[in-house]
N, C-alpha and C. Protein backbone atom coordinates (compact mmCIF):
# COMPACT_ATOMS: atom_id res chain seq x y z
N MET A 1 42.11 -31.80 -21.54
CA MET A 1 40.34 -31.23 -21.45
C MET A 1 41.56 -29.74 -21.00
N ALA A 2 41.92 -29.72 -19.89
CA ALA A 2 42.21 -28.18 -18.94
C ALA A 2 42.68 -27.12 -19.93
N GLY A 3 43.74 -28.15 -21.06
CA GLY A 3 44.38 -26.70 -21.62
C GLY A 3 42.97 -25.83 -22.50
N LEU A 4 42.54 -27.21 -22.56
CA LEU A 4 41.61 -26.02 -23.49
C LEU A 4 40.53 -24.75 -23.42
N GLU A 5 40.18 -25.38 -21.71
CA GLU A 5 39.14 -24.56 -20.65
C GLU A 5 39.88 -23.69 -20.21
N ASP A 6 41.50 -23.33 -20.28
CA ASP A 6 42.17 -22.48 -20.24
C ASP A 6 41.94 -21.54 -21.36
N LEU A 7 42.48 -21.89 -22.84
CA LEU A 7 42.63 -20.86 -23.59
C LEU A 7 40.77 -20.51 -23.79
N LYS A 8 39.85 -21.34 -23.69
CA LYS A 8 38.64 -20.26 -23.71
C LYS A 8 38.53 -19.15 -22.69
N LYS A 9 38.88 -19.26 -21.52
CA LYS A 9 38.79 -18.16 -20.99
C LYS A 9 39.85 -16.73 -21.08
N GLU A 10 40.94 -17.41 -21.54
CA GLU A 10 41.97 -16.33 -22.26
C GLU A 10 41.02 -15.21 -23.13
N MET A 11 40.66 -16.03 -24.02
CA MET A 11 39.67 -15.33 -25.60
C MET A 11 38.83 -14.75 -25.04
N VAL A 12 37.73 -15.40 -23.88
CA VAL A 12 36.67 -14.69 -23.65
C VAL A 12 37.02 -13.61 -22.60
N ALA A 13 38.44 -12.95 -21.48
CA ALA A 13 38.99 -12.03 -20.68
C ALA A 13 38.17 -10.90 -21.30
N PRO A 14 38.21 -10.10 -21.30
CA PRO A 14 37.93 -9.02 -22.07
C PRO A 14 39.38 -8.34 -21.68
N VAL A 15 39.70 -7.07 -22.95
CA VAL A 15 41.01 -6.97 -23.71
C VAL A 15 41.05 -5.03 -22.83
N ALA A 16 41.75 -4.30 -22.39
CA ALA A 16 42.24 -2.75 -22.37
C ALA A 16 41.08 -2.26 -23.73
N ALA A 17 39.93 -1.65 -23.57
CA ALA A 17 39.42 -0.46 -24.28
C ALA A 17 40.49 0.82 -24.49
N GLU A 18 41.13 0.85 -25.94
CA GLU A 18 41.63 2.55 -25.67
C GLU A 18 41.10 3.01 -25.39
N PRO A 19 40.98 4.70 -25.23
CA PRO A 19 40.14 5.60 -24.84
C PRO A 19 39.96 6.01 -25.88
N ALA A 20 38.70 6.21 -26.52
CA ALA A 20 38.56 7.31 -27.70
C ALA A 20 38.52 8.18 -27.78
N VAL A 21 39.44 8.70 -28.81
CA VAL A 21 39.53 10.31 -29.06
C VAL A 21 39.02 11.11 -29.13
N VAL A 22 38.90 12.45 -28.14
CA VAL A 22 38.09 13.14 -28.10
C VAL A 22 39.00 14.75 -28.80
N ARG A 23 38.37 14.70 -29.94
CA ARG A 23 38.49 16.25 -30.85
C ARG A 23 38.15 17.11 -29.96
N GLU A 24 38.85 18.42 -29.91
CA GLU A 24 38.22 19.48 -29.65
C GLU A 24 38.11 20.26 -30.36
N PRO A 25 36.60 20.91 -30.42
CA PRO A 25 36.18 21.99 -31.93
C PRO A 25 37.84 23.48 -32.21
N LYS A 26 37.79 23.73 -33.46
CA LYS A 26 38.46 24.40 -34.25
C LYS A 26 37.64 25.29 -34.68
N LYS A 27 37.52 26.82 -33.63
CA LYS A 27 37.13 27.74 -34.35
C LYS A 27 38.16 28.86 -33.80
N ASP A 28 37.62 30.00 -35.17
CA ASP A 28 39.05 30.78 -34.15
C ASP A 28 38.43 31.97 -33.16
N LYS A 29 38.65 32.92 -32.64
CA LYS A 29 37.99 33.73 -31.71
C LYS A 29 37.19 34.61 -31.63
N LEU A 30 36.35 35.46 -33.13
CA LEU A 30 35.17 35.07 -33.61
C LEU A 30 33.99 34.04 -33.88
N GLY A 31 34.48 33.28 -33.15
CA GLY A 31 33.63 31.90 -32.69
C GLY A 31 33.06 31.25 -34.14
N ARG A 32 33.83 31.24 -35.13
CA ARG A 32 33.83 30.95 -36.44
C ARG A 32 34.76 29.35 -36.61
N ALA A 33 34.05 29.38 -37.45
CA ALA A 33 34.76 27.25 -38.10
C ALA A 33 35.15 27.98 -39.52
N TYR A 34 36.08 27.24 -39.93
CA TYR A 34 36.52 26.99 -41.25
C TYR A 34 36.93 25.93 -41.96
N ALA A 35 36.69 26.07 -43.14
CA ALA A 35 37.04 25.25 -44.34
C ALA A 35 37.08 25.27 -45.94
N THR A 36 37.59 24.35 -46.61
CA THR A 36 37.58 24.39 -47.71
C THR A 36 36.82 22.83 -48.27
N GLY A 37 36.10 23.30 -49.56
CA GLY A 37 35.49 21.99 -49.90
C GLY A 37 35.97 22.36 -51.12
N ARG A 38 35.61 20.95 -52.48
CA ARG A 38 35.86 20.94 -53.37
C ARG A 38 34.91 19.66 -54.52
N ARG A 39 34.33 20.45 -55.43
CA ARG A 39 34.22 19.19 -56.11
C ARG A 39 34.49 19.28 -57.74
N LYS A 40 34.87 18.65 -58.17
CA LYS A 40 35.00 19.15 -60.45
C LYS A 40 36.36 19.74 -59.59
N ASP A 41 35.99 21.20 -60.21
CA ASP A 41 37.11 22.21 -60.35
C ASP A 41 36.18 23.16 -59.67
N ALA A 42 36.08 23.44 -59.14
CA ALA A 42 35.48 24.67 -58.23
C ALA A 42 36.03 24.23 -56.94
N SER A 43 36.46 25.18 -56.22
CA SER A 43 37.24 25.07 -55.22
C SER A 43 35.96 26.00 -54.23
N ALA A 44 35.52 25.94 -52.93
CA ALA A 44 34.69 26.67 -52.22
C ALA A 44 35.54 27.08 -50.17
N ARG A 45 35.06 28.47 -50.53
CA ARG A 45 35.70 28.25 -48.87
C ARG A 45 34.40 29.20 -48.01
N VAL A 46 34.56 27.99 -46.82
CA VAL A 46 33.36 27.97 -45.77
C VAL A 46 33.71 28.47 -44.63
N TRP A 47 32.95 29.13 -44.05
CA TRP A 47 32.60 30.36 -42.85
C TRP A 47 31.45 29.79 -41.97
N ILE A 48 31.87 29.47 -41.06
CA ILE A 48 29.98 29.04 -40.04
C ILE A 48 29.65 29.46 -39.16
N LYS A 49 29.18 30.13 -38.27
CA LYS A 49 29.04 30.73 -36.88
C LYS A 49 27.58 30.45 -36.81
N LEU A 50 26.85 29.87 -35.13
CA LEU A 50 26.16 30.51 -35.12
C LEU A 50 25.27 31.67 -35.04
N GLY A 51 24.06 31.67 -35.63
CA GLY A 51 23.52 32.61 -36.35
C GLY A 51 21.89 32.41 -36.92
N SER A 52 21.04 32.74 -37.57
CA SER A 52 19.82 32.23 -37.81
C SER A 52 19.32 31.37 -38.87
N GLY A 53 20.53 31.23 -39.49
CA GLY A 53 20.19 29.99 -40.77
C GLY A 53 20.71 31.24 -42.32
N LYS A 54 21.12 32.05 -42.20
CA LYS A 54 21.63 33.16 -42.97
C LYS A 54 22.22 32.30 -44.11
N MET A 55 22.42 32.70 -45.23
CA MET A 55 23.94 32.31 -46.37
C MET A 55 24.11 32.49 -47.74
N THR A 56 25.23 33.32 -47.36
CA THR A 56 25.32 34.40 -48.60
C THR A 56 26.48 33.54 -49.15
N VAL A 57 26.48 33.63 -50.99
CA VAL A 57 27.64 32.88 -51.10
C VAL A 57 28.24 34.09 -52.09
N ASN A 58 29.11 34.40 -52.29
CA ASN A 58 29.53 35.68 -52.74
C ASN A 58 28.64 36.67 -52.51
N GLY A 59 28.55 36.57 -51.06
CA GLY A 59 28.31 37.73 -51.14
C GLY A 59 26.15 38.19 -51.74
N ILE A 60 26.49 37.04 -51.91
CA ILE A 60 24.09 36.72 -52.48
C ILE A 60 23.93 35.90 -51.83
N ASP A 61 22.48 36.40 -51.60
CA ASP A 61 21.80 35.82 -50.59
C ASP A 61 21.75 34.32 -51.76
N ILE A 62 21.33 32.65 -51.39
CA ILE A 62 21.45 31.69 -51.73
C ILE A 62 20.48 31.41 -52.48
N GLU A 63 19.41 32.12 -52.52
CA GLU A 63 18.26 32.34 -53.50
C GLU A 63 18.46 32.47 -54.77
N LYS A 64 19.65 33.58 -54.51
CA LYS A 64 19.73 34.32 -55.89
C LYS A 64 20.65 33.89 -56.47
N TYR A 65 21.70 32.90 -55.91
CA TYR A 65 23.02 31.91 -56.64
C TYR A 65 23.00 31.18 -57.03
N PHE A 66 22.06 30.13 -56.52
CA PHE A 66 21.51 28.15 -56.57
C PHE A 66 20.08 28.95 -56.71
N THR A 67 19.42 29.38 -58.01
CA THR A 67 18.27 29.40 -57.97
C THR A 67 17.60 28.28 -58.19
N ARG A 68 18.20 27.25 -59.36
CA ARG A 68 17.96 25.80 -58.57
C ARG A 68 17.36 25.30 -57.44
N PRO A 69 16.07 24.82 -57.36
CA PRO A 69 16.12 24.60 -55.70
C PRO A 69 17.04 22.85 -55.84
N VAL A 70 17.31 22.10 -56.60
CA VAL A 70 18.10 20.86 -56.68
C VAL A 70 19.35 20.92 -55.86
N LEU A 71 19.88 22.11 -56.13
CA LEU A 71 21.04 22.75 -55.78
C LEU A 71 21.36 23.30 -54.15
N ARG A 72 20.34 23.79 -54.11
CA ARG A 72 20.20 24.51 -52.67
C ARG A 72 20.14 22.99 -51.67
N MET A 73 18.74 22.02 -51.99
CA MET A 73 18.67 21.24 -51.30
C MET A 73 20.19 20.48 -51.17
N ILE A 74 20.97 20.33 -51.90
CA ILE A 74 22.67 19.67 -52.27
C ILE A 74 23.49 20.25 -50.80
N ILE A 75 23.18 21.61 -51.22
CA ILE A 75 23.39 22.59 -50.31
C ILE A 75 23.14 22.13 -48.70
N ASN A 76 21.96 22.25 -48.86
CA ASN A 76 21.26 22.48 -46.71
C ASN A 76 21.63 20.23 -46.59
N GLN A 77 21.54 19.62 -47.17
CA GLN A 77 21.48 18.18 -46.47
C GLN A 77 22.71 18.72 -45.53
N PRO A 78 23.85 18.55 -44.83
CA PRO A 78 24.46 18.30 -44.44
C PRO A 78 24.14 18.75 -42.91
N PHE A 79 23.27 20.04 -42.94
CA PHE A 79 22.17 20.68 -41.84
C PHE A 79 21.33 19.24 -41.02
N GLU A 80 20.21 18.80 -42.74
CA GLU A 80 19.29 18.22 -42.29
C GLU A 80 19.51 17.06 -41.52
N VAL A 81 21.07 16.04 -42.42
CA VAL A 81 21.67 14.99 -41.69
C VAL A 81 22.10 15.30 -40.26
N THR A 82 22.53 15.97 -40.06
CA THR A 82 22.94 16.90 -38.17
C THR A 82 21.60 17.23 -37.74
N ASN A 83 20.41 17.33 -37.50
CA ASN A 83 19.62 18.64 -37.19
C ASN A 83 19.96 19.85 -36.89
N ARG A 84 20.79 20.33 -37.78
CA ARG A 84 20.81 22.07 -37.63
C ARG A 84 20.47 22.30 -38.24
N VAL A 85 19.43 21.87 -39.06
CA VAL A 85 18.68 23.32 -39.78
C VAL A 85 18.71 25.10 -38.89
N GLY A 86 18.46 25.85 -39.90
CA GLY A 86 18.64 27.47 -39.56
C GLY A 86 19.45 27.61 -38.32
N GLN A 87 20.23 26.65 -37.94
CA GLN A 87 21.32 26.68 -36.21
C GLN A 87 22.40 28.30 -36.51
N PHE A 88 22.99 28.44 -37.60
CA PHE A 88 24.15 28.35 -38.06
C PHE A 88 24.07 29.64 -39.92
N ASP A 89 24.56 30.36 -39.24
CA ASP A 89 24.41 31.30 -40.71
C ASP A 89 26.07 31.30 -41.25
N VAL A 90 25.98 30.65 -42.32
CA VAL A 90 27.36 30.26 -43.61
C VAL A 90 27.99 31.11 -44.34
N VAL A 91 28.84 31.84 -44.00
CA VAL A 91 29.40 32.41 -45.19
C VAL A 91 29.95 32.18 -46.07
N VAL A 92 29.90 31.92 -47.96
CA VAL A 92 31.25 31.20 -48.68
C VAL A 92 31.42 32.06 -49.86
N THR A 93 32.52 31.60 -50.09
CA THR A 93 32.81 31.86 -51.14
C THR A 93 33.88 30.91 -52.09
N VAL A 94 33.20 30.65 -53.30
CA VAL A 94 33.39 29.92 -54.17
C VAL A 94 33.64 30.43 -56.12
N SER A 95 34.77 29.76 -55.53
CA SER A 95 34.62 29.85 -57.65
C SER A 95 35.68 28.55 -58.35
N GLY A 96 35.60 28.82 -59.93
CA GLY A 96 36.05 28.14 -61.12
C GLY A 96 34.21 26.88 -60.51
N GLY A 97 34.50 25.93 -62.03
CA GLY A 97 33.16 25.29 -62.68
C GLY A 97 32.10 25.46 -62.69
N GLY A 98 31.27 24.84 -62.83
CA GLY A 98 30.20 25.08 -62.97
C GLY A 98 29.13 24.98 -62.08
N LEU A 99 27.68 25.71 -61.71
CA LEU A 99 27.02 26.01 -60.66
C LEU A 99 26.58 23.97 -59.89
N SER A 100 26.54 23.25 -60.98
CA SER A 100 26.62 21.80 -59.64
C SER A 100 28.27 21.60 -59.11
N GLY A 101 29.16 22.22 -59.63
CA GLY A 101 29.70 21.71 -58.67
C GLY A 101 30.75 22.42 -58.23
N GLN A 102 30.15 23.58 -58.06
CA GLN A 102 29.98 24.45 -57.50
C GLN A 102 29.58 24.37 -55.08
N ALA A 103 27.52 23.86 -56.03
CA ALA A 103 27.03 23.05 -55.12
C ALA A 103 28.23 21.84 -54.00
N GLY A 104 28.02 20.84 -55.09
CA GLY A 104 29.27 20.14 -54.20
C GLY A 104 29.88 20.45 -52.99
N ALA A 105 30.84 21.13 -54.04
CA ALA A 105 32.03 22.33 -53.12
C ALA A 105 31.42 22.77 -52.08
N VAL A 106 30.40 23.18 -52.32
CA VAL A 106 29.49 23.58 -50.94
C VAL A 106 29.67 22.83 -50.63
N ARG A 107 28.69 21.99 -50.58
CA ARG A 107 27.58 20.84 -49.55
C ARG A 107 29.36 20.22 -48.93
N HIS A 108 31.04 19.72 -50.01
CA HIS A 108 31.72 19.60 -49.17
C HIS A 108 32.25 20.22 -48.09
N GLY A 109 32.05 21.55 -47.78
CA GLY A 109 33.36 22.74 -47.17
C GLY A 109 32.55 22.67 -45.66
N VAL A 110 30.85 22.79 -45.86
CA VAL A 110 29.80 23.28 -44.61
C VAL A 110 30.56 22.08 -44.26
N SER A 111 30.19 20.57 -44.92
CA SER A 111 30.28 19.11 -44.00
C SER A 111 31.62 19.51 -43.22
N ARG A 112 32.47 19.56 -43.89
CA ARG A 112 33.74 19.96 -42.97
C ARG A 112 33.69 20.95 -41.68
N CYS A 113 32.93 22.16 -42.22
CA CYS A 113 32.91 23.03 -41.07
C CYS A 113 32.06 22.58 -40.17
N LEU A 114 31.32 22.06 -40.24
CA LEU A 114 30.17 21.68 -39.13
C LEU A 114 31.60 20.66 -38.28
N ASP A 115 31.85 19.60 -38.64
CA ASP A 115 32.75 18.58 -38.54
C ASP A 115 34.18 18.95 -37.14
N ASN A 116 34.11 20.61 -37.95
CA ASN A 116 35.63 21.41 -37.14
C ASN A 116 34.55 22.15 -35.92
N PHE A 117 33.38 22.24 -36.51
CA PHE A 117 32.75 23.44 -35.43
C PHE A 117 32.53 22.36 -33.98
N GLU A 118 31.29 20.96 -34.84
CA GLU A 118 31.34 20.07 -33.50
C GLU A 118 31.46 18.83 -34.18
N PRO A 119 32.82 18.79 -33.63
CA PRO A 119 33.23 17.25 -33.74
C PRO A 119 32.47 15.76 -33.57
N GLU A 120 31.67 16.01 -32.75
CA GLU A 120 30.72 14.66 -32.38
C GLU A 120 29.90 14.33 -33.80
N LEU A 121 29.00 15.60 -34.77
CA LEU A 121 28.91 15.92 -35.67
C LEU A 121 29.52 14.49 -37.19
N HIS A 122 30.82 14.07 -36.28
CA HIS A 122 31.89 13.83 -36.66
C HIS A 122 31.26 12.07 -38.11
N THR A 123 30.79 11.38 -37.32
CA THR A 123 30.14 9.81 -37.91
C THR A 123 29.01 10.26 -38.61
N ALA A 124 27.76 10.87 -38.22
CA ALA A 124 26.86 11.45 -38.83
C ALA A 124 27.16 11.78 -40.38
N LEU A 125 27.85 12.76 -40.21
CA LEU A 125 28.46 13.27 -41.82
C LEU A 125 29.28 12.65 -42.30
N LYS A 126 30.06 11.16 -42.03
CA LYS A 126 30.73 10.07 -42.52
C LYS A 126 30.11 9.25 -43.00
N ARG A 127 29.03 9.11 -42.25
CA ARG A 127 28.08 7.67 -42.67
C ARG A 127 26.90 8.25 -44.29
N ALA A 128 26.74 9.61 -44.02
CA ALA A 128 26.11 10.02 -45.18
C ALA A 128 26.81 10.48 -46.55
N GLY A 129 28.30 10.32 -46.24
CA GLY A 129 28.79 10.78 -47.31
C GLY A 129 29.62 11.37 -47.61
N PHE A 130 29.26 13.19 -46.51
CA PHE A 130 29.95 14.27 -47.13
C PHE A 130 31.22 14.86 -46.29
N LEU A 131 31.77 14.22 -45.92
CA LEU A 131 33.06 13.85 -45.72
C LEU A 131 34.35 14.11 -46.41
N THR A 132 33.75 13.10 -47.71
CA THR A 132 34.93 12.84 -48.79
C THR A 132 34.69 13.19 -49.75
N ARG A 133 36.21 13.37 -50.24
CA ARG A 133 36.04 14.58 -51.51
C ARG A 133 35.59 13.95 -52.80
N ASP A 134 34.75 13.88 -53.98
CA ASP A 134 33.98 13.24 -54.88
C ASP A 134 35.33 13.63 -55.54
N PRO A 135 36.31 12.30 -56.28
CA PRO A 135 38.20 12.61 -56.95
C PRO A 135 37.38 12.71 -58.35
N ARG A 136 35.83 12.92 -58.85
CA ARG A 136 35.98 12.72 -60.01
C ARG A 136 36.08 13.71 -60.63
N VAL A 137 36.77 14.14 -62.17
CA VAL A 137 36.68 15.43 -62.67
C VAL A 137 36.96 15.32 -64.90
N VAL A 138 37.11 15.85 -64.95
CA VAL A 138 36.90 16.17 -66.29
C VAL A 138 37.90 15.45 -66.33
N GLU A 139 37.98 13.78 -67.41
CA GLU A 139 39.31 13.68 -68.33
C GLU A 139 40.08 14.47 -69.23
N ARG A 140 41.66 14.82 -69.44
CA ARG A 140 42.22 15.13 -70.58
C ARG A 140 42.14 14.64 -71.17
N LYS A 141 41.93 15.85 -72.40
CA LYS A 141 42.06 15.28 -74.51
C LYS A 141 43.27 14.25 -74.23
N LYS A 142 43.41 13.83 -74.97
CA LYS A 142 44.57 13.43 -76.09
C LYS A 142 44.71 13.84 -76.68
N TYR A 143 46.25 13.52 -77.51
CA TYR A 143 46.46 13.86 -78.91
C TYR A 143 46.07 12.70 -79.30
N GLY A 144 45.98 13.08 -80.74
CA GLY A 144 45.63 12.52 -82.03
C GLY A 144 43.84 12.06 -81.85
N LYS A 145 44.00 12.79 -80.61
CA LYS A 145 41.96 12.79 -80.83
C LYS A 145 41.46 13.98 -80.76
N ALA A 146 39.81 14.14 -81.20
CA ALA A 146 39.19 15.57 -80.81
C ALA A 146 38.95 15.75 -79.66
N LYS A 147 38.58 14.42 -78.61
CA LYS A 147 38.38 15.27 -77.25
C LYS A 147 39.22 13.79 -76.55
N ALA A 148 37.99 14.12 -75.93
CA ALA A 148 39.00 12.90 -74.23
C ALA A 148 39.12 11.32 -75.29
N ARG A 149 37.79 11.08 -75.89
CA ARG A 149 37.95 9.65 -76.22
C ARG A 149 37.67 9.71 -77.77
N ARG A 150 36.76 10.88 -78.48
CA ARG A 150 36.11 10.84 -79.50
C ARG A 150 37.40 10.66 -80.51
N SER A 151 37.38 9.81 -81.56
CA SER A 151 37.99 10.02 -82.67
C SER A 151 38.23 10.95 -84.03
N TYR A 152 38.47 11.77 -84.89
CA TYR A 152 38.12 12.02 -85.81
C TYR A 152 37.56 11.03 -86.88
N GLN A 153 37.02 11.82 -87.82
CA GLN A 153 35.98 11.47 -87.97
C GLN A 153 37.13 10.25 -89.69
N PHE A 154 36.75 9.09 -89.47
CA PHE A 154 37.38 8.41 -90.62
C PHE A 154 36.97 8.57 -91.95
N SER A 155 37.35 8.79 -92.97
CA SER A 155 37.37 8.71 -94.51
C SER A 155 38.11 8.13 -95.29
N LYS A 156 37.16 7.37 -96.12
CA LYS A 156 37.65 5.81 -96.77
C LYS A 156 38.18 6.73 -98.02
N ARG A 157 37.93 7.84 -97.98
CA ARG A 157 38.84 8.76 -99.82
C ARG A 157 38.97 9.46 -99.47
């Protein structure tokens, strides 16, 4: 029985925990953080810095570029999850895809920017799923098919 007691003590003994990795913020000399976000065929280059909450996309105000409220809500989700609404000025250059894909790309870029600016926000952004690039893209057209999967119309005669 003494052998079992010794084994139990060894199993319960605290293991030396490794120190948590402390990440440094990644900012340029102007105090901005940069990241690239992607979604479908859209690619967004995003810069954030401390400010009043002004957002511009391709030199246009966000309300004029993304007119649908749902798209603006998608873009602002990282700020709401991290409680940073209205604290950062955001400058975005986005190209490719449609408006929905561009909004997803901007959200991905903003999330990565926030992670670079304040590494403490990483867990909140990761739990919300904003740091993961959505891999879904349009399926390619195959030869012998009208589109990606649709066949040509069958003719009996």
